[in-house]
Amino acid sequence: MSDPGMTAVVVEDDPDIRALLEALLAPMGYTVHVAADGAEALRLADRVHPDLVTLDLGLPDMDGLEVARRLRSRCDASLVVVSARPDAESVAARAGVAVDGFVLKPFRPAEVRERLRQVLDAA
C-alpha cells in the first residue's frame, strides 16, 4: 500500500489499458495522472514529481526507453515497464536503463497490483 499523498503517472497510448492502470492505482492511494505519449509524460513528471511511473515502451512519439532515461534524470520515481515486448527486461538492461519492475501484456489486474506492491516494498 502506498503512503497518503503519493502520485503516479501512467504512460500508455492504449486508452483501455491506460484507464485500467489508473483504476488499479487509485485504490492503492495514488493520485493518478495519465499520459498518452512520451512528451506528455515528461511534462507531467516535471509538474507533479511522481512517486511511481508505469511506462509502455511502444509509444507513438518516442521510444519508451528514451522516455525512461529522461525520467530517471528528472525524478527518482519507481519505474515499472508495462509492455507487450517479452524481451523488455533484457532490452532495458542492454540499453542501460534502470527499471524497478516489469509487467508483460496482456496482464491480469491482480498481477499488476502484486508487482506494484513488490516494487513499492523494495523502494
N, C-alpha and C. Protein backbone atom coordinates (compact mmCIF):
# COMPACT_ATOMS: atom_id res chain seq x y z
N MET A 1 0.85 -1.18 0.00
CA MET A 1 0.00 0.00 0.00
C MET A 1 0.89 1.23 0.00
N SER A 2 0.48 2.24 -0.69
CA SER A 2 1.26 3.47 -0.78
C SER A 2 0.95 4.38 0.40
N ASP A 3 1.82 5.36 0.60
CA ASP A 3 1.60 6.37 1.64
C ASP A 3 0.60 7.39 1.13
N PRO A 4 -0.11 8.05 2.04
CA PRO A 4 -1.03 9.10 1.60
C PRO A 4 -0.27 10.18 0.84
N GLY A 5 -0.90 10.71 -0.17
CA GLY A 5 -0.27 11.78 -0.92
C GLY A 5 0.67 11.31 -2.02
N MET A 6 0.71 10.04 -2.30
CA MET A 6 1.58 9.52 -3.35
C MET A 6 0.98 9.83 -4.72
N THR A 7 1.86 10.05 -5.68
CA THR A 7 1.45 10.42 -7.03
C THR A 7 2.01 9.43 -8.03
N ALA A 8 1.20 9.06 -9.01
CA ALA A 8 1.62 8.15 -10.07
C ALA A 8 1.34 8.78 -11.42
N VAL A 9 2.19 8.42 -12.38
CA VAL A 9 1.96 8.79 -13.77
C VAL A 9 1.89 7.49 -14.57
N VAL A 10 0.80 7.33 -15.31
CA VAL A 10 0.61 6.18 -16.19
C VAL A 10 0.88 6.66 -17.61
N VAL A 11 1.87 6.04 -18.27
CA VAL A 11 2.25 6.41 -19.63
C VAL A 11 1.87 5.24 -20.53
N GLU A 12 0.80 5.42 -21.29
CA GLU A 12 0.25 4.33 -22.10
C GLU A 12 -0.57 4.93 -23.22
N ASP A 13 -0.30 4.50 -24.47
CA ASP A 13 -1.05 5.06 -25.59
C ASP A 13 -2.39 4.37 -25.82
N ASP A 14 -2.59 3.17 -25.30
CA ASP A 14 -3.87 2.48 -25.45
C ASP A 14 -4.83 2.99 -24.37
N PRO A 15 -5.94 3.63 -24.76
CA PRO A 15 -6.83 4.23 -23.76
C PRO A 15 -7.45 3.22 -22.79
N ASP A 16 -7.71 2.00 -23.24
CA ASP A 16 -8.29 1.00 -22.36
C ASP A 16 -7.30 0.55 -21.29
N ILE A 17 -6.06 0.30 -21.69
CA ILE A 17 -5.04 -0.10 -20.72
C ILE A 17 -4.71 1.06 -19.79
N ARG A 18 -4.66 2.25 -20.34
CA ARG A 18 -4.40 3.45 -19.53
C ARG A 18 -5.48 3.57 -18.43
N ALA A 19 -6.74 3.41 -18.80
CA ALA A 19 -7.84 3.51 -17.83
C ALA A 19 -7.77 2.39 -16.80
N LEU A 20 -7.40 1.19 -17.24
CA LEU A 20 -7.30 0.07 -16.31
C LEU A 20 -6.18 0.32 -15.29
N LEU A 21 -5.03 0.78 -15.75
CA LEU A 21 -3.94 1.06 -14.82
C LEU A 21 -4.31 2.17 -13.84
N GLU A 22 -4.99 3.17 -14.34
CA GLU A 22 -5.46 4.25 -13.47
C GLU A 22 -6.42 3.69 -12.41
N ALA A 23 -7.32 2.82 -12.84
CA ALA A 23 -8.29 2.21 -11.92
C ALA A 23 -7.62 1.30 -10.90
N LEU A 24 -6.50 0.71 -11.24
CA LEU A 24 -5.76 -0.14 -10.29
C LEU A 24 -4.98 0.69 -9.28
N LEU A 25 -4.44 1.80 -9.71
CA LEU A 25 -3.59 2.61 -8.83
C LEU A 25 -4.38 3.48 -7.87
N ALA A 26 -5.51 4.00 -8.28
CA ALA A 26 -6.28 4.91 -7.42
C ALA A 26 -6.66 4.26 -6.08
N PRO A 27 -7.16 3.01 -6.07
CA PRO A 27 -7.50 2.40 -4.77
C PRO A 27 -6.27 2.10 -3.90
N MET A 28 -5.08 2.12 -4.50
CA MET A 28 -3.85 1.92 -3.74
C MET A 28 -3.42 3.22 -3.07
N GLY A 29 -4.19 4.29 -3.25
CA GLY A 29 -3.90 5.55 -2.59
C GLY A 29 -3.17 6.57 -3.43
N TYR A 30 -3.03 6.30 -4.72
CA TYR A 30 -2.32 7.23 -5.60
C TYR A 30 -3.25 8.27 -6.21
N THR A 31 -2.74 9.47 -6.33
CA THR A 31 -3.32 10.44 -7.23
C THR A 31 -2.70 10.12 -8.58
N VAL A 32 -3.52 9.80 -9.56
CA VAL A 32 -3.03 9.29 -10.84
C VAL A 32 -3.18 10.33 -11.93
N HIS A 33 -2.09 10.53 -12.66
CA HIS A 33 -2.07 11.38 -13.85
C HIS A 33 -1.75 10.47 -15.02
N VAL A 34 -2.33 10.75 -16.19
CA VAL A 34 -2.13 9.87 -17.33
C VAL A 34 -1.54 10.64 -18.50
N ALA A 35 -0.74 9.92 -19.29
CA ALA A 35 -0.12 10.48 -20.48
C ALA A 35 -0.23 9.46 -21.60
N ALA A 36 -0.55 9.92 -22.80
CA ALA A 36 -0.70 9.03 -23.94
C ALA A 36 0.57 8.93 -24.77
N ASP A 37 1.57 9.78 -24.46
CA ASP A 37 2.82 9.71 -25.22
C ASP A 37 3.98 10.17 -24.33
N GLY A 38 5.18 10.03 -24.86
CA GLY A 38 6.37 10.34 -24.09
C GLY A 38 6.53 11.80 -23.72
N ALA A 39 6.26 12.69 -24.66
CA ALA A 39 6.41 14.12 -24.40
C ALA A 39 5.47 14.56 -23.27
N GLU A 40 4.24 14.08 -23.32
CA GLU A 40 3.28 14.41 -22.27
C GLU A 40 3.73 13.84 -20.93
N ALA A 41 4.29 12.64 -20.94
CA ALA A 41 4.78 12.01 -19.71
C ALA A 41 5.89 12.84 -19.07
N LEU A 42 6.82 13.32 -19.89
CA LEU A 42 7.92 14.12 -19.36
C LEU A 42 7.43 15.45 -18.79
N ARG A 43 6.47 16.07 -19.47
CA ARG A 43 5.89 17.31 -18.94
C ARG A 43 5.20 17.06 -17.60
N LEU A 44 4.45 15.96 -17.53
CA LEU A 44 3.76 15.62 -16.29
C LEU A 44 4.76 15.35 -15.16
N ALA A 45 5.80 14.60 -15.46
CA ALA A 45 6.81 14.29 -14.43
C ALA A 45 7.43 15.57 -13.88
N ASP A 46 7.70 16.52 -14.75
CA ASP A 46 8.25 17.80 -14.29
C ASP A 46 7.27 18.55 -13.41
N ARG A 47 5.99 18.42 -13.70
CA ARG A 47 4.96 19.16 -12.97
C ARG A 47 4.54 18.50 -11.67
N VAL A 48 4.37 17.17 -11.66
CA VAL A 48 3.78 16.52 -10.49
C VAL A 48 4.78 15.74 -9.64
N HIS A 49 6.00 15.56 -10.10
CA HIS A 49 7.05 14.85 -9.34
C HIS A 49 6.52 13.51 -8.81
N PRO A 50 6.27 12.55 -9.70
CA PRO A 50 5.63 11.29 -9.30
C PRO A 50 6.51 10.43 -8.41
N ASP A 51 5.84 9.61 -7.61
CA ASP A 51 6.50 8.59 -6.81
C ASP A 51 6.59 7.28 -7.58
N LEU A 52 5.69 7.11 -8.55
CA LEU A 52 5.63 5.89 -9.36
C LEU A 52 5.26 6.25 -10.78
N VAL A 53 5.92 5.58 -11.74
CA VAL A 53 5.57 5.73 -13.15
C VAL A 53 5.41 4.33 -13.73
N THR A 54 4.28 4.10 -14.42
CA THR A 54 4.15 2.90 -15.24
C THR A 54 4.35 3.35 -16.68
N LEU A 55 5.15 2.62 -17.42
CA LEU A 55 5.58 3.08 -18.74
C LEU A 55 5.48 1.99 -19.78
N ASP A 56 4.72 2.27 -20.82
CA ASP A 56 4.68 1.41 -22.00
C ASP A 56 5.90 1.75 -22.85
N LEU A 57 6.55 0.77 -23.44
CA LEU A 57 7.72 1.04 -24.29
C LEU A 57 7.33 1.45 -25.70
N GLY A 58 6.16 1.04 -26.16
CA GLY A 58 5.73 1.33 -27.52
C GLY A 58 4.87 2.58 -27.58
N LEU A 59 5.50 3.73 -27.54
CA LEU A 59 4.77 4.99 -27.57
C LEU A 59 4.79 5.59 -28.97
N PRO A 60 3.79 6.40 -29.31
CA PRO A 60 3.70 6.91 -30.68
C PRO A 60 4.73 7.97 -31.05
N ASP A 61 5.26 8.69 -30.07
CA ASP A 61 6.12 9.83 -30.41
C ASP A 61 7.60 9.61 -30.14
N MET A 62 7.95 8.70 -29.23
CA MET A 62 9.37 8.45 -28.94
C MET A 62 9.51 7.07 -28.31
N ASP A 63 10.71 6.56 -28.37
CA ASP A 63 11.00 5.25 -27.81
C ASP A 63 10.81 5.28 -26.29
N GLY A 64 10.14 4.27 -25.76
CA GLY A 64 9.89 4.21 -24.32
C GLY A 64 11.17 4.18 -23.50
N LEU A 65 12.23 3.57 -24.03
CA LEU A 65 13.49 3.55 -23.29
C LEU A 65 14.08 4.95 -23.17
N GLU A 66 13.90 5.77 -24.19
CA GLU A 66 14.35 7.15 -24.11
C GLU A 66 13.53 7.92 -23.08
N VAL A 67 12.24 7.66 -23.03
CA VAL A 67 11.40 8.28 -22.00
C VAL A 67 11.90 7.85 -20.62
N ALA A 68 12.21 6.57 -20.45
CA ALA A 68 12.72 6.08 -19.16
C ALA A 68 14.02 6.78 -18.78
N ARG A 69 14.94 6.91 -19.73
CA ARG A 69 16.21 7.62 -19.46
C ARG A 69 15.95 9.05 -18.98
N ARG A 70 15.08 9.73 -19.70
CA ARG A 70 14.79 11.13 -19.34
C ARG A 70 14.08 11.22 -18.00
N LEU A 71 13.18 10.29 -17.72
CA LEU A 71 12.51 10.28 -16.42
C LEU A 71 13.52 10.09 -15.30
N ARG A 72 14.46 9.17 -15.50
CA ARG A 72 15.48 8.90 -14.49
C ARG A 72 16.32 10.14 -14.19
N SER A 73 16.54 10.97 -15.19
CA SER A 73 17.33 12.18 -14.97
C SER A 73 16.51 13.29 -14.31
N ARG A 74 15.18 13.14 -14.31
CA ARG A 74 14.30 14.19 -13.78
C ARG A 74 13.73 13.88 -12.41
N CYS A 75 13.56 12.61 -12.08
CA CYS A 75 12.92 12.26 -10.81
C CYS A 75 13.41 10.89 -10.34
N ASP A 76 13.15 10.59 -9.08
CA ASP A 76 13.53 9.27 -8.57
C ASP A 76 12.31 8.39 -8.33
N ALA A 77 11.34 8.50 -9.17
CA ALA A 77 10.14 7.67 -9.08
C ALA A 77 10.49 6.21 -9.32
N SER A 78 9.74 5.32 -8.69
CA SER A 78 9.83 3.90 -9.05
C SER A 78 9.28 3.78 -10.46
N LEU A 79 9.96 3.01 -11.30
CA LEU A 79 9.60 2.90 -12.71
C LEU A 79 9.28 1.45 -13.05
N VAL A 80 8.03 1.22 -13.47
CA VAL A 80 7.59 -0.12 -13.85
C VAL A 80 7.20 -0.09 -15.32
N VAL A 81 7.87 -0.91 -16.11
CA VAL A 81 7.56 -1.03 -17.53
C VAL A 81 6.40 -2.00 -17.70
N VAL A 82 5.39 -1.58 -18.45
CA VAL A 82 4.25 -2.42 -18.79
C VAL A 82 4.27 -2.53 -20.30
N SER A 83 4.68 -3.70 -20.82
CA SER A 83 4.95 -3.82 -22.25
C SER A 83 4.48 -5.15 -22.81
N ALA A 84 4.17 -5.13 -24.09
CA ALA A 84 3.84 -6.36 -24.81
C ALA A 84 5.11 -7.06 -25.30
N ARG A 85 6.25 -6.39 -25.17
CA ARG A 85 7.52 -6.98 -25.62
C ARG A 85 8.02 -7.99 -24.60
N PRO A 86 8.07 -9.28 -24.96
CA PRO A 86 8.53 -10.28 -24.00
C PRO A 86 9.99 -10.11 -23.61
N ASP A 87 10.75 -9.37 -24.43
CA ASP A 87 12.17 -9.15 -24.14
C ASP A 87 12.43 -7.78 -23.50
N ALA A 88 11.40 -7.14 -22.99
CA ALA A 88 11.53 -5.77 -22.46
C ALA A 88 12.59 -5.67 -21.37
N GLU A 89 12.64 -6.65 -20.49
CA GLU A 89 13.62 -6.60 -19.40
C GLU A 89 15.05 -6.65 -19.93
N SER A 90 15.33 -7.55 -20.88
CA SER A 90 16.68 -7.64 -21.42
C SER A 90 17.01 -6.44 -22.30
N VAL A 91 16.04 -5.91 -23.01
CA VAL A 91 16.25 -4.72 -23.84
C VAL A 91 16.62 -3.54 -22.95
N ALA A 92 15.91 -3.35 -21.86
CA ALA A 92 16.21 -2.26 -20.93
C ALA A 92 17.60 -2.43 -20.32
N ALA A 93 17.93 -3.65 -19.94
CA ALA A 93 19.25 -3.90 -19.35
C ALA A 93 20.36 -3.61 -20.35
N ARG A 94 20.20 -4.06 -21.59
CA ARG A 94 21.23 -3.80 -22.62
C ARG A 94 21.36 -2.31 -22.91
N ALA A 95 20.27 -1.57 -22.78
CA ALA A 95 20.29 -0.14 -23.03
C ALA A 95 20.80 0.64 -21.81
N GLY A 96 21.00 -0.06 -20.71
CA GLY A 96 21.50 0.60 -19.51
C GLY A 96 20.45 1.44 -18.80
N VAL A 97 19.19 1.09 -18.97
CA VAL A 97 18.10 1.83 -18.34
C VAL A 97 17.68 1.11 -17.06
N ALA A 98 17.76 1.80 -15.94
CA ALA A 98 17.38 1.21 -14.65
C ALA A 98 15.86 1.21 -14.52
N VAL A 99 15.31 0.03 -14.37
CA VAL A 99 13.86 -0.14 -14.23
C VAL A 99 13.61 -0.96 -12.97
N ASP A 100 12.58 -0.59 -12.23
CA ASP A 100 12.30 -1.27 -10.96
C ASP A 100 11.43 -2.51 -11.11
N GLY A 101 10.70 -2.62 -12.21
CA GLY A 101 9.85 -3.78 -12.40
C GLY A 101 9.30 -3.85 -13.81
N PHE A 102 8.78 -5.02 -14.14
CA PHE A 102 8.22 -5.27 -15.47
C PHE A 102 6.92 -6.03 -15.34
N VAL A 103 5.97 -5.69 -16.20
CA VAL A 103 4.71 -6.42 -16.32
C VAL A 103 4.50 -6.66 -17.81
N LEU A 104 4.26 -7.91 -18.16
CA LEU A 104 4.06 -8.28 -19.56
C LEU A 104 2.59 -8.22 -19.92
N LYS A 105 2.28 -7.54 -21.03
CA LYS A 105 0.91 -7.51 -21.57
C LYS A 105 0.70 -8.76 -22.41
N PRO A 106 -0.48 -9.31 -22.46
CA PRO A 106 -1.65 -8.95 -21.66
C PRO A 106 -1.42 -9.39 -20.22
N PHE A 107 -2.05 -8.71 -19.29
CA PHE A 107 -1.86 -9.00 -17.88
C PHE A 107 -3.22 -9.10 -17.18
N ARG A 108 -3.18 -9.72 -16.03
CA ARG A 108 -4.36 -9.75 -15.15
C ARG A 108 -4.20 -8.61 -14.14
N PRO A 109 -5.28 -7.94 -13.78
CA PRO A 109 -5.17 -6.85 -12.81
C PRO A 109 -4.48 -7.26 -11.50
N ALA A 110 -4.77 -8.46 -11.01
CA ALA A 110 -4.15 -8.92 -9.76
C ALA A 110 -2.63 -9.01 -9.92
N GLU A 111 -2.18 -9.40 -11.10
CA GLU A 111 -0.75 -9.49 -11.37
C GLU A 111 -0.09 -8.11 -11.29
N VAL A 112 -0.74 -7.12 -11.84
CA VAL A 112 -0.20 -5.76 -11.80
C VAL A 112 -0.15 -5.25 -10.36
N ARG A 113 -1.23 -5.43 -9.63
CA ARG A 113 -1.25 -4.99 -8.22
C ARG A 113 -0.13 -5.63 -7.43
N GLU A 114 0.06 -6.93 -7.60
CA GLU A 114 1.11 -7.64 -6.86
C GLU A 114 2.50 -7.13 -7.25
N ARG A 115 2.73 -6.95 -8.54
CA ARG A 115 4.04 -6.47 -8.98
C ARG A 115 4.31 -5.06 -8.45
N LEU A 116 3.30 -4.20 -8.46
CA LEU A 116 3.47 -2.85 -7.93
C LEU A 116 3.76 -2.88 -6.44
N ARG A 117 3.08 -3.75 -5.72
CA ARG A 117 3.36 -3.87 -4.27
C ARG A 117 4.80 -4.32 -4.03
N GLN A 118 5.28 -5.26 -4.83
CA GLN A 118 6.67 -5.72 -4.69
C GLN A 118 7.65 -4.58 -4.93
N VAL A 119 7.39 -3.80 -5.97
CA VAL A 119 8.27 -2.67 -6.28
C VAL A 119 8.24 -1.64 -5.15
N LEU A 120 7.07 -1.34 -4.66
CA LEU A 120 6.93 -0.34 -3.59
C LEU A 120 7.56 -0.82 -2.30
N ASP A 121 7.43 -2.11 -1.99
CA ASP A 121 8.05 -2.65 -0.78
C ASP A 121 9.57 -2.60 -0.86
N ALA A 122 10.10 -2.73 -2.08
CA ALA A 122 11.55 -2.72 -2.27
C ALA A 122 12.12 -1.29 -2.28
N ALA A 123 11.25 -0.30 -2.52
CA ALA A 123 11.73 1.09 -2.63
C ALA A 123 12.10 1.69 -1.29
